[in-house]
C-alpha atoms as a PDB file:
ATOM      1  CA  UNK A   1     -18.318  -4.079  27.486  1.00  0.00           C
ATOM      2  CA  UNK A   2     -20.258  -6.659  25.489  1.00  0.00           C
ATOM      3  CA  UNK A   3     -21.910  -3.860  23.505  1.00  0.00           C
ATOM      4  CA  UNK A   4     -18.555  -2.202  22.818  1.00  0.00           C
ATOM      5  CA  UNK A   5     -17.058  -5.536  21.753  1.00  0.00           C
ATOM      6  CA  UNK A   6     -19.970  -6.078  19.390  1.00  0.00           C
ATOM      7  CA  UNK A   7     -19.519  -2.623  17.856  1.00  0.00           C
ATOM      8  CA  UNK A   8     -15.792  -3.222  17.448  1.00  0.00           C
ATOM      9  CA  UNK A   9     -16.489  -6.491  15.613  1.00  0.00           C
ATOM     10  CA  UNK A  10     -18.864  -4.659  13.277  1.00  0.00           C
ATOM     11  CA  UNK A  11     -16.264  -1.950  12.627  1.00  0.00           C
ATOM     12  CA  UNK A  12     -13.634  -4.607  11.922  1.00  0.00           C
ATOM     13  CA  UNK A  13     -15.948  -6.369   9.456  1.00  0.00           C
ATOM     14  CA  UNK A  14     -16.697  -3.098   7.647  1.00  0.00           C
ATOM     15  CA  UNK A  15     -13.017  -2.244   7.399  1.00  0.00           C
ATOM     16  CA  UNK A  16     -12.152  -5.693   6.069  1.00  0.00           C
ATOM     17  CA  UNK A  17     -14.827  -5.260   3.394  1.00  0.00           C
ATOM     18  CA  UNK A  18     -13.068  -2.088   2.226  1.00  0.00           C
ATOM     19  CA  UNK A  19      -9.869  -4.043   1.514  1.00  0.00           C
ATOM     20  CA  UNK A  20      -9.643  -5.954  -1.815  1.00  0.00           C
ATOM     21  CA  UNK A  21     -10.995  -9.462  -1.317  1.00  0.00           C
ATOM     22  CA  UNK A  22      -8.761 -11.006  -3.977  1.00  0.00           C
ATOM     23  CA  UNK A  23      -5.754 -10.224  -6.103  1.00  0.00           C
ATOM     24  CA  UNK A  24      -5.465  -9.723  -9.861  1.00  0.00           C
ATOM     25  CA  UNK A  25      -3.852 -12.211 -12.204  1.00  0.00           C
ATOM     26  CA  UNK A  26      -3.945 -11.948 -15.993  1.00  0.00           C
ATOM     27  CA  UNK A  27      -1.606 -12.197 -18.972  1.00  0.00           C
ATOM     28  CA  UNK A  28      -0.054  -8.816 -18.186  1.00  0.00           C
ATOM     29  CA  UNK A  29       0.239  -8.571 -14.422  1.00  0.00           C
ATOM     30  CA  UNK A  30      -0.268 -10.343 -11.128  1.00  0.00           C
ATOM     31  CA  UNK A  31      -0.727  -8.577  -7.813  1.00  0.00           C
ATOM     32  CA  UNK A  32      -1.940  -9.435  -4.348  1.00  0.00           C
ATOM     33  CA  UNK A  33      -2.019  -7.886  -0.901  1.00  0.00           C
ATOM     34  CA  UNK A  34      -2.198  -8.609   2.832  1.00  0.00           C
ATOM     35  CA  UNK A  35      -3.528  -6.507   5.697  1.00  0.00           C
ATOM     36  CA  UNK A  36      -3.576  -7.176   9.439  1.00  0.00           C
ATOM     37  CA  UNK A  37      -4.550  -4.606  12.054  1.00  0.00           C
ATOM     38  CA  UNK A  38      -2.560  -4.639  15.283  1.00  0.00           C
ATOM     39  CA  UNK A  39      -5.761  -4.364  17.327  1.00  0.00           C
ATOM     40  CA  UNK A  40      -9.211  -4.920  15.849  1.00  0.00           C
ATOM     41  CA  UNK A  41      -9.318  -2.009  13.423  1.00  0.00           C
ATOM     42  CA  UNK A  42      -6.414   0.063  12.221  1.00  0.00           C
ATOM     43  CA  UNK A  43      -5.205   2.835   9.983  1.00  0.00           C
ATOM     44  CA  UNK A  44      -3.366   0.902   7.286  1.00  0.00           C
ATOM     45  CA  UNK A  45      -4.929   0.707   3.846  1.00  0.00           C
ATOM     46  CA  UNK A  46      -4.390  -0.744   0.412  1.00  0.00           C
ATOM     47  CA  UNK A  47      -6.531  -0.806  -2.698  1.00  0.00           C
ATOM     48  CA  UNK A  48      -6.566  -1.866  -6.350  1.00  0.00           C
ATOM     49  CA  UNK A  49      -8.363   0.516  -8.715  1.00  0.00           C
ATOM     50  CA  UNK A  50      -8.956  -0.609 -12.301  1.00  0.00           C
ATOM     51  CA  UNK A  51      -9.500   2.278 -14.704  1.00  0.00           C
ATOM     52  CA  UNK A  52     -11.393   0.427 -17.440  1.00  0.00           C
ATOM     53  CA  UNK A  53     -12.876  -2.925 -18.289  1.00  0.00           C
ATOM     54  CA  UNK A  54     -10.117  -4.629 -20.280  1.00  0.00           C
ATOM     55  CA  UNK A  55      -7.171  -6.633 -18.973  1.00  0.00           C
ATOM     56  CA  UNK A  56      -4.765  -4.118 -20.511  1.00  0.00           C
ATOM     57  CA  UNK A  57      -6.408  -1.118 -18.787  1.00  0.00           C
ATOM     58  CA  UNK A  58      -4.194   0.802 -16.333  1.00  0.00           C
ATOM     59  CA  UNK A  59      -4.376  -0.403 -12.740  1.00  0.00           C
ATOM     60  CA  UNK A  60      -4.009   1.872  -9.729  1.00  0.00           C
ATOM     61  CA  UNK A  61      -2.449   0.501  -6.551  1.00  0.00           C
ATOM     62  CA  UNK A  62      -2.652   2.480  -3.316  1.00  0.00           C
ATOM     63  CA  UNK A  63      -1.102   1.845   0.079  1.00  0.00           C
ATOM     64  CA  UNK A  64      -1.373   4.135   3.080  1.00  0.00           C
ATOM     65  CA  UNK A  65      -0.703   4.461   6.789  1.00  0.00           C
ATOM     66  CA  UNK A  66      -2.757   6.730   9.060  1.00  0.00           C
ATOM     67  CA  UNK A  67      -1.148   8.171  12.174  1.00  0.00           C
ATOM     68  CA  UNK A  68      -2.277   6.466  15.367  1.00  0.00           C
ATOM     69  CA  UNK A  69      -4.401   3.352  15.800  1.00  0.00           C
ATOM     70  CA  UNK A  70      -7.954   2.318  16.494  1.00  0.00           C
ATOM     71  CA  UNK A  71     -11.338   3.700  15.467  1.00  0.00           C
ATOM     72  CA  UNK A  72     -10.216   7.250  14.657  1.00  0.00           C
ATOM     73  CA  UNK A  73      -7.508   5.960  12.297  1.00  0.00           C
ATOM     74  CA  UNK A  74      -9.934   3.538  10.681  1.00  0.00           C
ATOM     75  CA  UNK A  75     -12.420   6.348  10.013  1.00  0.00           C
ATOM     76  CA  UNK A  76      -9.729   8.490   8.391  1.00  0.00           C
ATOM     77  CA  UNK A  77      -8.616   5.510   6.308  1.00  0.00           C
ATOM     78  CA  UNK A  78     -12.188   4.987   5.064  1.00  0.00           C
ATOM     79  CA  UNK A  79     -12.552   8.690   4.184  1.00  0.00           C
ATOM     80  CA  UNK A  80      -9.261   8.736   2.268  1.00  0.00           C
ATOM     81  CA  UNK A  81     -10.282   5.607   0.353  1.00  0.00           C
ATOM     82  CA  UNK A  82     -13.577   7.199  -0.676  1.00  0.00           C
ATOM     83  CA  UNK A  83     -11.922  10.490  -1.703  1.00  0.00           C
ATOM     84  CA  UNK A  84      -9.293   8.674  -3.775  1.00  0.00           C
ATOM     85  CA  UNK A  85     -11.702   6.349  -5.564  1.00  0.00           C
ATOM     86  CA  UNK A  86     -14.013   9.215  -6.422  1.00  0.00           C
ATOM     87  CA  UNK A  87     -11.189  11.461  -7.666  1.00  0.00           C
ATOM     88  CA  UNK A  88      -9.490   8.750  -9.739  1.00  0.00           C
ATOM     89  CA  UNK A  89     -12.690   8.402 -11.771  1.00  0.00           C
ATOM     90  CA  UNK A  90     -12.253  12.001 -12.997  1.00  0.00           C
ATOM     91  CA  UNK A  91      -9.676  13.405 -15.464  1.00  0.00           C
ATOM     92  CA  UNK A  92      -6.281  14.594 -14.275  1.00  0.00           C
ATOM     93  CA  UNK A  93      -2.660  13.631 -13.770  1.00  0.00           C
ATOM     94  CA  UNK A  94      -1.645  11.565 -10.755  1.00  0.00           C
ATOM     95  CA  UNK A  95      -0.197  14.694  -9.193  1.00  0.00           C
ATOM     96  CA  UNK A  96      -3.489  16.551  -9.600  1.00  0.00           C
ATOM     97  CA  UNK A  97      -5.452  13.588  -8.257  1.00  0.00           C
ATOM     98  CA  UNK A  98      -3.426  13.276  -5.059  1.00  0.00           C
ATOM     99  CA  UNK A  99      -3.320  17.063  -4.605  1.00  0.00           C
ATOM    100  CA  UNK A 100      -7.126  17.177  -4.712  1.00  0.00           C
ATOM    101  CA  UNK A 101      -7.459  14.261  -2.287  1.00  0.00           C
ATOM    102  CA  UNK A 102      -5.053  15.980   0.092  1.00  0.00           C
ATOM    103  CA  UNK A 103      -6.946  19.287  -0.071  1.00  0.00           C
ATOM    104  CA  UNK A 104     -10.231  17.603   0.803  1.00  0.00           C
ATOM    105  CA  UNK A 105      -8.703  15.466   3.548  1.00  0.00           C
ATOM    106  CA  UNK A 106      -6.879  18.423   5.096  1.00  0.00           C
ATOM    107  CA  UNK A 107     -10.150  20.324   5.458  1.00  0.00           C
ATOM    108  CA  UNK A 108     -11.794  17.412   7.257  1.00  0.00           C
ATOM    109  CA  UNK A 109      -8.995  16.690   9.753  1.00  0.00           C
ATOM    110  CA  UNK A 110      -7.582  20.176  10.343  1.00  0.00           C
ATOM    111  CA  UNK A 111      -8.592  20.135  14.024  1.00  0.00           C
ATOM    112  CA  UNK A 112      -7.513  16.559  14.757  1.00  0.00           C
ATOM    113  CA  UNK A 113      -3.850  16.976  13.710  1.00  0.00           C
ATOM    114  CA  UNK A 114      -3.924  13.501  12.157  1.00  0.00           C
ATOM    115  CA  UNK A 115      -2.275  12.713   8.842  1.00  0.00           C
ATOM    116  CA  UNK A 116      -1.833   9.849   6.410  1.00  0.00           C
ATOM    117  CA  UNK A 117       1.095   8.710   4.318  1.00  0.00           C
ATOM    118  CA  UNK A 118       0.227   7.386   0.869  1.00  0.00           C
ATOM    119  CA  UNK A 119       1.953   5.785  -2.088  1.00  0.00           C
ATOM    120  CA  UNK A 120      -0.173   5.684  -5.230  1.00  0.00           C
ATOM    121  CA  UNK A 121       1.085   3.749  -8.244  1.00  0.00           C
ATOM    122  CA  UNK A 122      -0.511   3.431 -11.685  1.00  0.00           C
ATOM    123  CA  UNK A 123       0.601   0.571 -13.918  1.00  0.00           C
ATOM    124  CA  UNK A 124       0.067   1.165 -17.636  1.00  0.00           C
ATOM    125  CA  UNK A 125       0.960  -2.157 -19.180  1.00  0.00           C
ATOM    126  CA  UNK A 126      -0.088  -1.078 -22.655  1.00  0.00           C
ATOM    127  CA  UNK A 127       2.665   1.551 -22.667  1.00  0.00           C
ATOM    128  CA  UNK A 128       5.064  -0.489 -20.504  1.00  0.00           C
ATOM    129  CA  UNK A 129       5.335   2.194 -17.828  1.00  0.00           C
ATOM    130  CA  UNK A 130       4.469   3.039 -14.244  1.00  0.00           C
ATOM    131  CA  UNK A 131       3.672   6.403 -12.695  1.00  0.00           C
ATOM    132  CA  UNK A 132       3.531   7.132  -8.986  1.00  0.00           C
ATOM    133  CA  UNK A 133       3.089   9.783  -6.325  1.00  0.00           C
ATOM    134  CA  UNK A 134       4.775   9.440  -2.966  1.00  0.00           C
ATOM    135  CA  UNK A 135       3.047  11.363  -0.176  1.00  0.00           C
ATOM    136  CA  UNK A 136       5.334  10.851   2.798  1.00  0.00           C
ATOM    137  CA  UNK A 137       5.217   7.049   2.509  1.00  0.00           C
ATOM    138  CA  UNK A 138       8.213   4.715   2.330  1.00  0.00           C
ATOM    139  CA  UNK A 139       9.414   4.296  -1.278  1.00  0.00           C
ATOM    140  CA  UNK A 140       8.185   1.232  -3.138  1.00  0.00           C
ATOM    141  CA  UNK A 141      10.757  -1.496  -3.797  1.00  0.00           C
ATOM    142  CA  UNK A 142      11.456  -2.241  -7.489  1.00  0.00           C
ATOM    143  CA  UNK A 143      13.336  -5.443  -8.383  1.00  0.00           C
ATOM    144  CA  UNK A 144      14.690  -6.359 -11.827  1.00  0.00           C
ATOM    145  CA  UNK A 145      15.574 -10.092 -12.053  1.00  0.00           C
ATOM    146  CA  UNK A 146      17.686  -9.563 -15.174  1.00  0.00           C
ATOM    147  CA  UNK A 147      20.207  -7.470 -13.255  1.00  0.00           C
ATOM    148  CA  UNK A 148      19.292  -8.858  -9.800  1.00  0.00           C
ATOM    149  CA  UNK A 149      19.224  -5.254  -8.611  1.00  0.00           C
ATOM    150  CA  UNK A 150      16.866  -3.223  -6.428  1.00  0.00           C
ATOM    151  CA  UNK A 151      15.717   0.345  -6.856  1.00  0.00           C
ATOM    152  CA  UNK A 152      13.712   2.554  -4.501  1.00  0.00           C
ATOM    153  CA  UNK A 153      10.830   4.367  -6.182  1.00  0.00           C
ATOM    154  CA  UNK A 154      11.445   7.737  -4.564  1.00  0.00           C
ATOM    155  CA  UNK A 155       9.528  10.980  -4.898  1.00  0.00           C
ATOM    156  CA  UNK A 156       8.896  14.225  -3.051  1.00  0.00           C
ATOM    157  CA  UNK A 157       5.730  14.861  -1.106  1.00  0.00           C
ATOM    158  CA  UNK A 158       4.507  15.309   2.471  1.00  0.00           C
ATOM    159  CA  UNK A 159       1.819  13.174   4.148  1.00  0.00           C
ATOM    160  CA  UNK A 160      -1.797  13.882   3.306  1.00  0.00           C
ATOM    161  CA  UNK A 161      -3.684  16.209   5.612  1.00  0.00           C
ATOM    162  CA  UNK A 162      -0.703  18.305   6.717  1.00  0.00           C
ATOM    163  CA  UNK A 163      -0.876  21.237   4.288  1.00  0.00           C
ATOM    164  CA  UNK A 164      -4.031  21.818   2.264  1.00  0.00           C
ATOM    165  CA  UNK A 165      -2.309  23.722  -0.551  1.00  0.00           C
ATOM    166  CA  UNK A 166       0.527  21.250  -1.154  1.00  0.00           C
ATOM    167  CA  UNK A 167       1.003  20.375  -4.843  1.00  0.00           C
ATOM    168  CA  UNK A 168       2.089  16.806  -5.556  1.00  0.00           C
ATOM    169  CA  UNK A 169       3.949  15.729  -8.688  1.00  0.00           C
ATOM    170  CA  UNK A 170       4.071  12.343 -10.342  1.00  0.00           C
ATOM    171  CA  UNK A 171       7.163  10.286 -11.132  1.00  0.00           C
ATOM    172  CA  UNK A 172       7.575   7.898 -14.051  1.00  0.00           C
ATOM    173  CA  UNK A 173       9.486   4.781 -15.044  1.00  0.00           C
ATOM    174  CA  UNK A 174       9.273   3.364 -18.578  1.00  0.00           C
ATOM    175  CA  UNK A 175      10.324   0.232 -20.468  1.00  0.00           C
ATOM    176  CA  UNK A 176       8.872  -2.290 -18.053  1.00  0.00           C
ATOM    177  CA  UNK A 177       9.743  -5.895 -18.826  1.00  0.00           C
ATOM    178  CA  UNK A 178       8.489  -9.342 -17.877  1.00  0.00           C
ATOM    179  CA  UNK A 179       9.471 -10.595 -14.425  1.00  0.00           C
ATOM    180  CA  UNK A 180      10.005  -7.221 -12.752  1.00  0.00           C
ATOM    181  CA  UNK A 181       8.591  -6.981  -9.227  1.00  0.00           C
ATOM    182  CA  UNK A 182       7.267  -4.066  -7.193  1.00  0.00           C
ATOM    183  CA  UNK A 183       6.678  -4.338  -3.448  1.00  0.00           C
ATOM    184  CA  UNK A 184       4.771  -1.768  -1.399  1.00  0.00           C
ATOM    185  CA  UNK A 185       4.515  -1.995   2.379  1.00  0.00           C
ATOM    186  CA  UNK A 186       3.849  -0.071   5.557  1.00  0.00           C
ATOM    187  CA  UNK A 187       6.566   0.260   8.196  1.00  0.00           C
ATOM    188  CA  UNK A 188       4.783  -2.327  10.331  1.00  0.00           C
ATOM    189  CA  UNK A 189       6.406  -4.977   8.113  1.00  0.00           C
ATOM    190  CA  UNK A 190      10.125  -4.203   8.497  1.00  0.00           C
ATOM    191  CA  UNK A 191       9.729  -2.775  12.006  1.00  0.00           C
ATOM    192  CA  UNK A 192       8.127  -5.978  13.331  1.00  0.00           C
ATOM    193  CA  UNK A 193      10.259  -7.362  16.160  1.00  0.00           C
ATOM    194  CA  UNK A 194      11.036 -10.837  17.417  1.00  0.00           C
ATOM    195  CA  UNK A 195      11.132 -11.793  21.092  1.00  0.00           C
ATOM    196  CA  UNK A 196      14.726 -10.497  21.331  1.00  0.00           C
ATOM    197  CA  UNK A 197      13.687  -7.039  20.106  1.00  0.00           C
ATOM    198  CA  UNK A 198      15.372  -7.417  16.700  1.00  0.00           C
ATOM    199  CA  UNK A 199      13.575  -5.847  13.722  1.00  0.00           C
ATOM    200  CA  UNK A 200      12.679  -7.824  10.606  1.00  0.00           C
ATOM    201  CA  UNK A 201      14.311  -5.139   8.460  1.00  0.00           C
ATOM    202  CA  UNK A 202      14.391  -4.516   4.723  1.00  0.00           C
ATOM    203  CA  UNK A 203      17.467  -6.641   3.977  1.00  0.00           C
ATOM    204  CA  UNK A 204      15.516  -9.817   4.752  1.00  0.00           C
ATOM    205  CA  UNK A 205      12.817  -8.646   2.373  1.00  0.00           C
ATOM    206  CA  UNK A 206      15.368  -8.058  -0.379  1.00  0.00           C
ATOM    207  CA  UNK A 207      16.861 -11.531   0.088  1.00  0.00           C
ATOM    208  CA  UNK A 208      13.435 -13.199  -0.007  1.00  0.00           C
ATOM    209  CA  UNK A 209      12.326 -11.268  -3.093  1.00  0.00           C
ATOM    210  CA  UNK A 210      15.526 -12.117  -4.963  1.00  0.00           C
ATOM    211  CA  UNK A 211      15.385 -15.804  -4.014  1.00  0.00           C
ATOM    212  CA  UNK A 212      11.710 -16.199  -4.959  1.00  0.00           C
ATOM    213  CA  UNK A 213      11.427 -13.870  -7.952  1.00  0.00           C
ATOM    214  CA  UNK A 214      10.268 -16.716 -10.234  1.00  0.00           C
ATOM    215  CA  UNK A 215       7.035 -17.082  -8.236  1.00  0.00           C
ATOM    216  CA  UNK A 216       3.790 -15.215  -8.878  1.00  0.00           C
ATOM    217  CA  UNK A 217       2.926 -12.106  -6.882  1.00  0.00           C
ATOM    218  CA  UNK A 218       0.767 -14.202  -4.562  1.00  0.00           C
ATOM    219  CA  UNK A 219       3.581 -16.724  -4.129  1.00  0.00           C
ATOM    220  CA  UNK A 220       6.090 -14.016  -3.205  1.00  0.00           C
ATOM    221  CA  UNK A 221       3.553 -12.416  -0.852  1.00  0.00           C
ATOM    222  CA  UNK A 222       2.947 -15.741   0.912  1.00  0.00           C
ATOM    223  CA  UNK A 223       6.691 -16.327   1.324  1.00  0.00           C
ATOM    224  CA  UNK A 224       7.237 -12.867   2.800  1.00  0.00           C
ATOM    225  CA  UNK A 225       4.346 -13.182   5.259  1.00  0.00           C
ATOM    226  CA  UNK A 226       5.313 -16.730   6.247  1.00  0.00           C
ATOM    227  CA  UNK A 227       8.859 -15.610   7.041  1.00  0.00           C
ATOM    228  CA  UNK A 228       7.562 -12.591   8.954  1.00  0.00           C
ATOM    229  CA  UNK A 229       5.409 -14.841  11.142  1.00  0.00           C
ATOM    230  CA  UNK A 230       8.319 -17.236  11.641  1.00  0.00           C
ATOM    231  CA  UNK A 231      10.567 -14.326  12.591  1.00  0.00           C
ATOM    232  CA  UNK A 232       8.164 -12.948  15.192  1.00  0.00           C
ATOM    233  CA  UNK A 233       7.415 -16.515  16.436  1.00  0.00           C
ATOM    234  CA  UNK A 234       3.821 -15.756  17.299  1.00  0.00           C
ATOM    235  CA  UNK A 235       4.581 -12.399  18.915  1.00  0.00           C
ATOM    236  CA  UNK A 236       1.665 -10.029  18.303  1.00  0.00           C
ATOM    237  CA  UNK A 237       2.284  -7.252  15.805  1.00  0.00           C
ATOM    238  CA  UNK A 238       2.728  -3.906  17.571  1.00  0.00           C
ATOM    239  CA  UNK A 239       1.732  -1.987  14.444  1.00  0.00           C
ATOM    240  CA  UNK A 240      -0.637  -2.588  11.540  1.00  0.00           C
ATOM    241  CA  UNK A 241       0.976  -4.705   8.825  1.00  0.00           C
ATOM    242  CA  UNK A 242       0.201  -4.196   5.118  1.00  0.00           C
ATOM    243  CA  UNK A 243       2.032  -5.631   2.133  1.00  0.00           C
ATOM    244  CA  UNK A 244       1.352  -5.545  -1.618  1.00  0.00           C
ATOM    245  CA  UNK A 245       3.336  -7.451  -4.271  1.00  0.00           C
ATOM    246  CA  UNK A 246       3.119  -6.733  -8.013  1.00  0.00           C
ATOM    247  CA  UNK A 247       4.712  -8.734 -10.818  1.00  0.00           C
ATOM    248  CA  UNK A 248       4.903  -7.805 -14.487  1.00  0.00           C
ATOM    249  CA  UNK A 249       4.079 -10.836 -16.667  1.00  0.00           C
END
């Protein structure tokens, strides 16, 4: 048991090292993320991928959720991260990138019947636009403080690893403006329950985002996670919890 515990600690450390160790904050954008596995290691994932050296270079933001929990999910998460980072470095549209990642992942996990949902977003501040692919993941939340309105960043696409030949297509939103907020999360956030069995839900998230929209991405993230912990009152998370907040500056 001691040997297994030691190996689990090593696996947890490796997985934590694969998650961004800090956020991004410059004149154009601020973003930050949080990840907590339900038990040691898990299958949730987020990443920031900068395609260039300048502050105005496009930034890729990925969030994913592997089916199941534990070591097998963590291994699939690590493979998907490697495939995505390698493929993003090559030419192609977002749809082509995610289609290629899916094809490779599907070959590797065909016998396991596992799968992974993914939402990949690319922020092009220079052209004031975002592009995204939704592969079976919950839509991202888009908030505009000028109109105090929310929009779900929808899109068609099945989870990765289900059908090798699936072709993904990208979606686009233009005319970004200062103060707009994008929130990406796994279902472990809004499905977290308190001691009475009540779920945190998305409405609480909307209220908190609207009330704290003047804060930085890190500030909004901290508020959301603080309220989630207060809501659960120390109750252990039953699912992995991952949250990413982006703010246009």
